Amino acid sequence: MYFASDENVKVLACPLLILHAEDDAVLPPHLGRKLF
């Protein structure tokens, strides 16, 4: 179980939209920013 989006987005070429709420208490927004 890796679900390595950080590795996957490195090879994608399609349009990519990342949405994150600043008050996300489950997955902190800094993870979305890091992925972006």
PDB file of all heavy atoms in Angstrom:
ATOM      1  N   MET A   1       0.860  -1.177   0.000  1.00  0.00           N
ATOM      2  CA  MET A   1       0.000   0.000   0.000  1.00  0.00           C
ATOM      3  C   MET A   1       0.903   1.236   0.000  1.00  0.00           C
ATOM      4  O   MET A   1       1.484   1.576   1.026  1.00  0.00           O
ATOM      5  CB  MET A   1      -0.910   0.004   1.231  1.00  0.00           C
ATOM      6  CG  MET A   1      -1.829  -1.189   1.323  1.00  0.00           C
ATOM      7  SD  MET A   1      -3.164  -1.145   0.134  1.00  0.00           S
ATOM      8  CE  MET A   1      -4.378  -0.291   1.086  1.00  0.00           C
ATOM      9  N   TYR A   2       1.015   1.887  -1.149  1.00  0.00           N
ATOM     10  CA  TYR A   2       1.876   3.059  -1.277  1.00  0.00           C
ATOM     11  C   TYR A   2       1.085   4.302  -1.674  1.00  0.00           C
ATOM     12  O   TYR A   2       1.336   5.369  -1.185  1.00  0.00           O
ATOM     13  CB  TYR A   2       2.984   2.814  -2.316  1.00  0.00           C
ATOM     14  CG  TYR A   2       3.854   1.646  -1.977  1.00  0.00           C
ATOM     15  CD1 TYR A   2       3.652   0.402  -2.570  1.00  0.00           C
ATOM     16  CD2 TYR A   2       4.893   1.778  -1.065  1.00  0.00           C
ATOM     17  CE1 TYR A   2       4.457  -0.671  -2.252  1.00  0.00           C
ATOM     18  CE2 TYR A   2       5.705   0.705  -0.743  1.00  0.00           C
ATOM     19  CZ  TYR A   2       5.480  -0.516  -1.345  1.00  0.00           C
ATOM     20  OH  TYR A   2       6.280  -1.584  -1.025  1.00  0.00           O
ATOM     21  N   PHE A   3       0.166   4.141  -2.619  1.00  0.00           N
ATOM     22  CA  PHE A   3      -0.616   5.255  -3.150  1.00  0.00           C
ATOM     23  C   PHE A   3       0.293   6.480  -3.305  1.00  0.00           C
ATOM     24  O   PHE A   3       0.059   7.535  -2.735  1.00  0.00           O
ATOM     25  CB  PHE A   3      -1.823   5.568  -2.256  1.00  0.00           C
ATOM     26  CG  PHE A   3      -2.831   4.459  -2.231  1.00  0.00           C
ATOM     27  CD1 PHE A   3      -2.931   3.616  -1.134  1.00  0.00           C
ATOM     28  CD2 PHE A   3      -3.685   4.249  -3.302  1.00  0.00           C
ATOM     29  CE1 PHE A   3      -3.861   2.589  -1.104  1.00  0.00           C
ATOM     30  CE2 PHE A   3      -4.622   3.231  -3.281  1.00  0.00           C
ATOM     31  CZ  PHE A   3      -4.709   2.394  -2.180  1.00  0.00           C
ATOM     32  N   ALA A   4       1.321   6.323  -4.095  1.00  0.00           N
ATOM     33  CA  ALA A   4       2.381   7.329  -4.250  1.00  0.00           C
ATOM     34  C   ALA A   4       2.023   8.385  -5.283  1.00  0.00           C
ATOM     35  O   ALA A   4       2.606   8.442  -6.365  1.00  0.00           O
ATOM     36  CB  ALA A   4       3.696   6.635  -4.605  1.00  0.00           C
ATOM     37  N   SER A   5       1.091   9.219  -4.942  1.00  0.00           N
ATOM     38  CA  SER A   5       0.713  10.306  -5.853  1.00  0.00           C
ATOM     39  C   SER A   5       1.903  11.200  -6.163  1.00  0.00           C
ATOM     40  O   SER A   5       2.022  11.712  -7.281  1.00  0.00           O
ATOM     41  CB  SER A   5      -0.420  11.136  -5.264  1.00  0.00           C
ATOM     42  OG  SER A   5      -1.611  10.395  -5.240  1.00  0.00           O
ATOM     43  N   ASP A   6       2.798  11.394  -5.180  1.00  0.00           N
ATOM     44  CA  ASP A   6       3.968  12.232  -5.415  1.00  0.00           C
ATOM     45  C   ASP A   6       4.863  11.654  -6.511  1.00  0.00           C
ATOM     46  O   ASP A   6       5.462  12.404  -7.286  1.00  0.00           O
ATOM     47  CB  ASP A   6       4.754  12.482  -4.132  1.00  0.00           C
ATOM     48  CG  ASP A   6       5.094  11.227  -3.339  1.00  0.00           C
ATOM     49  OD1 ASP A   6       4.648  10.117  -3.707  1.00  0.00           O
ATOM     50  OD2 ASP A   6       5.808  11.360  -2.327  1.00  0.00           O
ATOM     51  N   GLU A   7       4.938  10.348  -6.624  1.00  0.00           N
ATOM     52  CA  GLU A   7       5.706   9.724  -7.706  1.00  0.00           C
ATOM     53  C   GLU A   7       4.895   9.701  -9.007  1.00  0.00           C
ATOM     54  O   GLU A   7       5.440   9.892 -10.086  1.00  0.00           O
ATOM     55  CB  GLU A   7       6.139   8.309  -7.323  1.00  0.00           C
ATOM     56  CG  GLU A   7       7.141   8.273  -6.179  1.00  0.00           C
ATOM     57  CD  GLU A   7       8.416   9.045  -6.487  1.00  0.00           C
ATOM     58  OE1 GLU A   7       8.938   8.937  -7.622  1.00  0.00           O
ATOM     59  OE2 GLU A   7       8.897   9.767  -5.587  1.00  0.00           O
ATOM     60  N   ASN A   8       3.608   9.475  -8.888  1.00  0.00           N
ATOM     61  CA  ASN A   8       2.753   9.395 -10.079  1.00  0.00           C
ATOM     62  C   ASN A   8       2.690  10.715 -10.835  1.00  0.00           C
ATOM     63  O   ASN A   8       2.753  10.734 -12.064  1.00  0.00           O
ATOM     64  CB  ASN A   8       1.347   8.937  -9.694  1.00  0.00           C
ATOM     65  CG  ASN A   8       1.318   7.524  -9.181  1.00  0.00           C
ATOM     66  OD1 ASN A   8       2.195   6.720  -9.484  1.00  0.00           O
ATOM     67  ND2 ASN A   8       0.315   7.200  -8.384  1.00  0.00           N
ATOM     68  N   VAL A   9       2.544  11.838 -10.109  1.00  0.00           N
ATOM     69  CA  VAL A   9       2.407  13.125 -10.800  1.00  0.00           C
ATOM     70  C   VAL A   9       3.685  13.538 -11.516  1.00  0.00           C
ATOM     71  O   VAL A   9       3.632  14.364 -12.430  1.00  0.00           O
ATOM     72  CB  VAL A   9       1.929  14.260  -9.860  1.00  0.00           C
ATOM     73  CG1 VAL A   9       0.556  13.938  -9.276  1.00  0.00           C
ATOM     74  CG2 VAL A   9       2.942  14.565  -8.768  1.00  0.00           C
ATOM     75  N   LYS A  10       4.799  12.931 -11.162  1.00  0.00           N
ATOM     76  CA  LYS A  10       6.060  13.258 -11.830  1.00  0.00           C
ATOM     77  C   LYS A  10       6.086  12.789 -13.276  1.00  0.00           C
ATOM     78  O   LYS A  10       6.869  13.298 -14.082  1.00  0.00           O
ATOM     79  CB  LYS A  10       7.241  12.625 -11.083  1.00  0.00           C
ATOM     80  CG  LYS A  10       7.550  13.275  -9.758  1.00  0.00           C
ATOM     81  CD  LYS A  10       8.704  12.543  -9.079  1.00  0.00           C
ATOM     82  CE  LYS A  10       8.994  13.105  -7.716  1.00  0.00           C
ATOM     83  NZ  LYS A  10      10.079  12.349  -7.041  1.00  0.00           N
ATOM     84  N   VAL A  11       5.247  11.803 -13.610  1.00  0.00           N
ATOM     85  CA  VAL A  11       5.256  11.278 -14.975  1.00  0.00           C
ATOM     86  C   VAL A  11       3.979  11.615 -15.750  1.00  0.00           C
ATOM     87  O   VAL A  11       3.908  11.358 -16.946  1.00  0.00           O
ATOM     88  CB  VAL A  11       5.496   9.744 -14.993  1.00  0.00           C
ATOM     89  CG1 VAL A  11       6.849   9.412 -14.410  1.00  0.00           C
ATOM     90  CG2 VAL A  11       4.405   9.004 -14.267  1.00  0.00           C
ATOM     91  N   LEU A  12       2.988  12.176 -15.095  1.00  0.00           N
ATOM     92  CA  LEU A  12       1.757  12.531 -15.795  1.00  0.00           C
ATOM     93  C   LEU A  12       1.981  13.737 -16.691  1.00  0.00           C
ATOM     94  O   LEU A  12       2.857  14.560 -16.440  1.00  0.00           O
ATOM     95  CB  LEU A  12       0.628  12.839 -14.803  1.00  0.00           C
ATOM     96  CG  LEU A  12       0.150  11.687 -13.929  1.00  0.00           C
ATOM     97  CD1 LEU A  12      -1.000  12.159 -13.026  1.00  0.00           C
ATOM     98  CD2 LEU A  12      -0.289  10.502 -14.769  1.00  0.00           C
ATOM     99  N   ALA A  13       1.176  13.843 -17.725  1.00  0.00           N
ATOM    100  CA  ALA A  13       1.237  14.993 -18.624  1.00  0.00           C
ATOM    101  C   ALA A  13      -0.138  15.638 -18.797  1.00  0.00           C
ATOM    102  O   ALA A  13      -0.245  16.713 -19.371  1.00  0.00           O
ATOM    103  CB  ALA A  13       1.789  14.558 -19.987  1.00  0.00           C
ATOM    104  N   CYS A  14      -1.178  14.988 -18.305  1.00  0.00           N
ATOM    105  CA  CYS A  14      -2.542  15.504 -18.457  1.00  0.00           C
ATOM    106  C   CYS A  14      -2.771  16.685 -17.518  1.00  0.00           C
ATOM    107  O   CYS A  14      -2.047  16.852 -16.529  1.00  0.00           O
ATOM    108  CB  CYS A  14      -3.557  14.404 -18.163  1.00  0.00           C
ATOM    109  SG  CYS A  14      -3.522  13.811 -16.461  1.00  0.00           S
ATOM    110  N   PRO A  15      -3.769  17.522 -17.798  1.00  0.00           N
ATOM    111  CA  PRO A  15      -4.095  18.603 -16.873  1.00  0.00           C
ATOM    112  C   PRO A  15      -4.399  18.043 -15.476  1.00  0.00           C
ATOM    113  O   PRO A  15      -5.063  17.015 -15.347  1.00  0.00           O
ATOM    114  CB  PRO A  15      -5.333  19.238 -17.497  1.00  0.00           C
ATOM    115  CG  PRO A  15      -5.196  18.941 -18.959  1.00  0.00           C
ATOM    116  CD  PRO A  15      -4.590  17.564 -19.010  1.00  0.00           C
ATOM    117  N   LEU A  16      -3.885  18.728 -14.457  1.00  0.00           N
ATOM    118  CA  LEU A  16      -4.004  18.287 -13.075  1.00  0.00           C
ATOM    119  C   LEU A  16      -4.498  19.447 -12.215  1.00  0.00           C
ATOM    120  O   LEU A  16      -3.858  20.495 -12.168  1.00  0.00           O
ATOM    121  CB  LEU A  16      -2.650  17.794 -12.563  1.00  0.00           C
ATOM    122  CG  LEU A  16      -2.549  17.398 -11.097  1.00  0.00           C
ATOM    123  CD1 LEU A  16      -3.389  16.153 -10.802  1.00  0.00           C
ATOM    124  CD2 LEU A  16      -1.098  17.154 -10.712  1.00  0.00           C
ATOM    125  N   LEU A  17      -5.627  19.237 -11.559  1.00  0.00           N
ATOM    126  CA  LEU A  17      -6.200  20.240 -10.654  1.00  0.00           C
ATOM    127  C   LEU A  17      -6.204  19.669  -9.246  1.00  0.00           C
ATOM    128  O   LEU A  17      -6.729  18.580  -9.014  1.00  0.00           O
ATOM    129  CB  LEU A  17      -7.634  20.587 -11.084  1.00  0.00           C
ATOM    130  CG  LEU A  17      -8.423  21.517 -10.164  1.00  0.00           C
ATOM    131  CD1 LEU A  17      -7.754  22.882 -10.029  1.00  0.00           C
ATOM    132  CD2 LEU A  17      -9.859  21.666 -10.687  1.00  0.00           C
ATOM    133  N   ILE A  18      -5.625  20.415  -8.317  1.00  0.00           N
ATOM    134  CA  ILE A  18      -5.584  20.006  -6.914  1.00  0.00           C
ATOM    135  C   ILE A  18      -6.438  20.981  -6.109  1.00  0.00           C
ATOM    136  O   ILE A  18      -6.249  22.193  -6.199  1.00  0.00           O
ATOM    137  CB  ILE A  18      -4.134  19.960  -6.391  1.00  0.00           C
ATOM    138  CG1 ILE A  18      -3.329  18.925  -7.183  1.00  0.00           C
ATOM    139  CG2 ILE A  18      -4.113  19.669  -4.896  1.00  0.00           C
ATOM    140  CD1 ILE A  18      -1.846  18.895  -6.854  1.00  0.00           C
ATOM    141  N   LEU A  19      -7.372  20.424  -5.339  1.00  0.00           N
ATOM    142  CA  LEU A  19      -8.280  21.212  -4.509  1.00  0.00           C
ATOM    143  C   LEU A  19      -8.036  20.857  -3.044  1.00  0.00           C
ATOM    144  O   LEU A  19      -7.995  19.664  -2.701  1.00  0.00           O
ATOM    145  CB  LEU A  19      -9.737  20.885  -4.856  1.00  0.00           C
ATOM    146  CG  LEU A  19     -10.139  20.954  -6.324  1.00  0.00           C
ATOM    147  CD1 LEU A  19     -11.517  20.337  -6.532  1.00  0.00           C
ATOM    148  CD2 LEU A  19     -10.122  22.395  -6.812  1.00  0.00           C
ATOM    149  N   HIS A  20      -7.891  21.869  -2.187  1.00  0.00           N
ATOM    150  CA  HIS A  20      -7.695  21.576  -0.776  1.00  0.00           C
ATOM    151  C   HIS A  20      -8.286  22.698   0.064  1.00  0.00           C
ATOM    152  O   HIS A  20      -8.112  23.868  -0.263  1.00  0.00           O
ATOM    153  CB  HIS A  20      -6.213  21.428  -0.442  1.00  0.00           C
ATOM    154  CG  HIS A  20      -5.934  20.345   0.536  1.00  0.00           C
ATOM    155  ND1 HIS A  20      -5.129  19.277   0.259  1.00  0.00           N
ATOM    156  CD2 HIS A  20      -6.378  20.134   1.785  1.00  0.00           C
ATOM    157  CE1 HIS A  20      -5.071  18.460   1.290  1.00  0.00           C
ATOM    158  NE2 HIS A  20      -5.832  18.967   2.247  1.00  0.00           N
ATOM    159  N   ALA A  21      -8.972  22.336   1.128  1.00  0.00           N
ATOM    160  CA  ALA A  21      -9.519  23.315   2.065  1.00  0.00           C
ATOM    161  C   ALA A  21      -8.483  23.602   3.138  1.00  0.00           C
ATOM    162  O   ALA A  21      -7.828  22.686   3.644  1.00  0.00           O
ATOM    163  CB  ALA A  21     -10.807  22.791   2.691  1.00  0.00           C
ATOM    164  N   GLU A  22      -8.344  24.860   3.499  1.00  0.00           N
ATOM    165  CA  GLU A  22      -7.370  25.249   4.522  1.00  0.00           C
ATOM    166  C   GLU A  22      -7.713  24.678   5.894  1.00  0.00           C
ATOM    167  O   GLU A  22      -6.842  24.555   6.743  1.00  0.00           O
ATOM    168  CB  GLU A  22      -7.254  26.774   4.596  1.00  0.00           C
ATOM    169  CG  GLU A  22      -6.576  27.397   3.394  1.00  0.00           C
ATOM    170  CD  GLU A  22      -5.118  26.985   3.220  1.00  0.00           C
ATOM    171  OE1 GLU A  22      -4.442  26.693   4.223  1.00  0.00           O
ATOM    172  OE2 GLU A  22      -4.656  26.941   2.067  1.00  0.00           O
ATOM    173  N   ASP A  23      -8.982  24.319   6.097  1.00  0.00           N
ATOM    174  CA  ASP A  23      -9.391  23.782   7.406  1.00  0.00           C
ATOM    175  C   ASP A  23      -9.572  22.265   7.382  1.00  0.00           C
ATOM    176  O   ASP A  23     -10.290  21.708   8.198  1.00  0.00           O
ATOM    177  CB  ASP A  23     -10.674  24.464   7.891  1.00  0.00           C
ATOM    178  CG  ASP A  23     -11.856  24.249   6.967  1.00  0.00           C
ATOM    179  OD1 ASP A  23     -11.651  24.033   5.755  1.00  0.00           O
ATOM    180  OD2 ASP A  23     -13.002  24.312   7.445  1.00  0.00           O
ATOM    181  N   ASP A  24      -8.876  21.600   6.476  1.00  0.00           N
ATOM    182  CA  ASP A  24      -8.937  20.145   6.400  1.00  0.00           C
ATOM    183  C   ASP A  24      -8.202  19.569   7.615  1.00  0.00           C
ATOM    184  O   ASP A  24      -6.985  19.689   7.726  1.00  0.00           O
ATOM    185  CB  ASP A  24      -8.294  19.652   5.099  1.00  0.00           C
ATOM    186  CG  ASP A  24      -8.484  18.172   4.837  1.00  0.00           C
ATOM    187  OD1 ASP A  24      -8.605  17.401   5.812  1.00  0.00           O
ATOM    188  OD2 ASP A  24      -8.500  17.789   3.657  1.00  0.00           O
ATOM    189  N   ALA A  25      -8.935  18.940   8.506  1.00  0.00           N
ATOM    190  CA  ALA A  25      -8.348  18.390   9.728  1.00  0.00           C
ATOM    191  C   ALA A  25      -7.930  16.927   9.560  1.00  0.00           C
ATOM    192  O   ALA A  25      -7.323  16.353  10.456  1.00  0.00           O
ATOM    193  CB  ALA A  25      -9.341  18.512  10.884  1.00  0.00           C
ATOM    194  N   VAL A  26      -8.258  16.312   8.432  1.00  0.00           N
ATOM    195  CA  VAL A  26      -7.893  14.911   8.196  1.00  0.00           C
ATOM    196  C   VAL A  26      -6.567  14.832   7.444  1.00  0.00           C
ATOM    197  O   VAL A  26      -5.644  14.133   7.869  1.00  0.00           O
ATOM    198  CB  VAL A  26      -9.010  14.167   7.425  1.00  0.00           C
ATOM    199  CG1 VAL A  26      -8.598  12.742   7.111  1.00  0.00           C
ATOM    200  CG2 VAL A  26     -10.306  14.195   8.226  1.00  0.00           C
ATOM    201  N   LEU A  27      -6.479  15.502   6.325  1.00  0.00           N
ATOM    202  CA  LEU A  27      -5.241  15.563   5.547  1.00  0.00           C
ATOM    203  C   LEU A  27      -4.826  17.025   5.447  1.00  0.00           C
ATOM    204  O   LEU A  27      -5.475  17.808   4.754  1.00  0.00           O
ATOM    205  CB  LEU A  27      -5.443  14.964   4.154  1.00  0.00           C
ATOM    206  CG  LEU A  27      -5.673  13.455   4.137  1.00  0.00           C
ATOM    207  CD1 LEU A  27      -6.134  12.976   2.772  1.00  0.00           C
ATOM    208  CD2 LEU A  27      -4.418  12.716   4.565  1.00  0.00           C
ATOM    209  N   PRO A  28      -3.794  17.412   6.162  1.00  0.00           N
ATOM    210  CA  PRO A  28      -3.405  18.824   6.220  1.00  0.00           C
ATOM    211  C   PRO A  28      -3.140  19.416   4.837  1.00  0.00           C
ATOM    212  O   PRO A  28      -2.608  18.729   3.952  1.00  0.00           O
ATOM    213  CB  PRO A  28      -2.123  18.809   7.050  1.00  0.00           C
ATOM    214  CG  PRO A  28      -2.058  17.482   7.711  1.00  0.00           C
ATOM    215  CD  PRO A  28      -2.888  16.545   6.903  1.00  0.00           C
ATOM    216  N   PRO A  29      -3.509  20.665   4.648  1.00  0.00           N
ATOM    217  CA  PRO A  29      -3.320  21.310   3.346  1.00  0.00           C
ATOM    218  C   PRO A  29      -1.866  21.341   2.874  1.00  0.00           C
ATOM    219  O   PRO A  29      -1.630  21.382   1.679  1.00  0.00           O
ATOM    220  CB  PRO A  29      -3.841  22.731   3.550  1.00  0.00           C
ATOM    221  CG  PRO A  29      -4.513  22.767   4.857  1.00  0.00           C
ATOM    222  CD  PRO A  29      -4.186  21.532   5.613  1.00  0.00           C
ATOM    223  N   HIS A  30      -0.913  21.263   3.806  1.00  0.00           N
ATOM    224  CA  HIS A  30       0.486  21.280   3.349  1.00  0.00           C
ATOM    225  C   HIS A  30       0.814  20.046   2.510  1.00  0.00           C
ATOM    226  O   HIS A  30       1.712  20.098   1.665  1.00  0.00           O
ATOM    227  CB  HIS A  30       1.470  21.454   4.518  1.00  0.00           C
ATOM    228  CG  HIS A  30       1.752  20.232   5.297  1.00  0.00           C
ATOM    229  ND1 HIS A  30       1.032  19.872   6.414  1.00  0.00           N
ATOM    230  CD2 HIS A  30       2.679  19.260   5.125  1.00  0.00           C
ATOM    231  CE1 HIS A  30       1.511  18.739   6.899  1.00  0.00           C
ATOM    232  NE2 HIS A  30       2.511  18.347   6.136  1.00  0.00           N
ATOM    233  N   LEU A  31       0.078  18.948   2.684  1.00  0.00           N
ATOM    234  CA  LEU A  31       0.300  17.765   1.835  1.00  0.00           C
ATOM    235  C   LEU A  31      -0.169  18.048   0.407  1.00  0.00           C
ATOM    236  O   LEU A  31       0.474  17.626  -0.564  1.00  0.00           O
ATOM    237  CB  LEU A  31      -0.410  16.543   2.407  1.00  0.00           C
ATOM    238  CG  LEU A  31       0.109  16.019   3.742  1.00  0.00           C
ATOM    239  CD1 LEU A  31      -0.711  14.810   4.203  1.00  0.00           C
ATOM    240  CD2 LEU A  31       1.583  15.662   3.661  1.00  0.00           C
ATOM    241  N   GLY A  32      -1.284  18.752   0.267  1.00  0.00           N
ATOM    242  CA  GLY A  32      -1.766  19.152  -1.065  1.00  0.00           C
ATOM    243  C   GLY A  32      -0.804  20.108  -1.741  1.00  0.00           C
ATOM    244  O   GLY A  32      -0.527  19.991  -2.939  1.00  0.00           O
ATOM    245  N   ARG A  33      -0.289  21.069  -0.962  1.00  0.00           N
ATOM    246  CA  ARG A  33       0.687  22.019  -1.511  1.00  0.00           C
ATOM    247  C   ARG A  33       1.966  21.306  -1.955  1.00  0.00           C
ATOM    248  O   ARG A  33       2.523  21.619  -3.000  1.00  0.00           O
ATOM    249  CB  ARG A  33       1.039  23.080  -0.467  1.00  0.00           C
ATOM    250  CG  ARG A  33       0.036  24.176  -0.363  1.00  0.00           C
ATOM    251  CD  ARG A  33       0.562  25.329   0.497  1.00  0.00           C
ATOM    252  NE  ARG A  33      -0.569  26.104   0.937  1.00  0.00           N
ATOM    253  CZ  ARG A  33      -1.251  25.891   2.067  1.00  0.00           C
ATOM    254  NH1 ARG A  33      -0.882  24.933   2.893  1.00  0.00           N
ATOM    255  NH2 ARG A  33      -2.283  26.633   2.375  1.00  0.00           N
ATOM    256  N   LYS A  34       2.407  20.371  -1.132  1.00  0.00           N
ATOM    257  CA  LYS A  34       3.624  19.615  -1.462  1.00  0.00           C
ATOM    258  C   LYS A  34       3.428  18.809  -2.745  1.00  0.00           C
ATOM    259  O   LYS A  34       4.315  18.764  -3.610  1.00  0.00           O
ATOM    260  CB  LYS A  34       3.988  18.703  -0.290  1.00  0.00           C
ATOM    261  CG  LYS A  34       5.305  18.004  -0.424  1.00  0.00           C
ATOM    262  CD  LYS A  34       5.634  17.223   0.847  1.00  0.00           C
ATOM    263  CE  LYS A  34       6.930  16.467   0.730  1.00  0.00           C
ATOM    264  NZ  LYS A  34       7.229  15.701   1.951  1.00  0.00           N
ATOM    265  N   LEU A  35       2.253  18.199  -2.888  1.00  0.00           N
ATOM    266  CA  LEU A  35       1.950  17.446  -4.107  1.00  0.00           C
ATOM    267  C   LEU A  35       1.920  18.376  -5.321  1.00  0.00           C
ATOM    268  O   LEU A  35       2.448  18.048  -6.387  1.00  0.00           O
ATOM    269  CB  LEU A  35       0.617  16.707  -3.954  1.00  0.00           C
ATOM    270  CG  LEU A  35       0.220  15.808  -5.103  1.00  0.00           C
ATOM    271  CD1 LEU A  35       1.238  14.685  -5.309  1.00  0.00           C
ATOM    272  CD2 LEU A  35      -1.163  15.219  -4.861  1.00  0.00           C
ATOM    273  N   PHE A  36       1.316  19.548  -5.154  1.00  0.00           N
ATOM    274  CA  PHE A  36       1.275  20.542  -6.229  1.00  0.00           C
ATOM    275  C   PHE A  36       2.692  20.935  -6.648  1.00  0.00           C
ATOM    276  O   PHE A  36       3.002  20.974  -7.852  1.00  0.00           O
ATOM    277  CB  PHE A  36       0.485  21.774  -5.780  1.00  0.00           C
ATOM    278  CG  PHE A  36       0.652  22.956  -6.690  1.00  0.00           C
ATOM    279  CD1 PHE A  36       0.067  22.972  -7.941  1.00  0.00           C
ATOM    280  CD2 PHE A  36       1.394  24.054  -6.291  1.00  0.00           C
ATOM    281  CE1 PHE A  36       0.225  24.065  -8.792  1.00  0.00           C
ATOM    282  CE2 PHE A  36       1.555  25.140  -7.118  1.00  0.00           C
ATOM    283  CZ  PHE A  36       0.978  25.158  -8.377  1.00  0.00           C
TER     284      PHE A  36
END
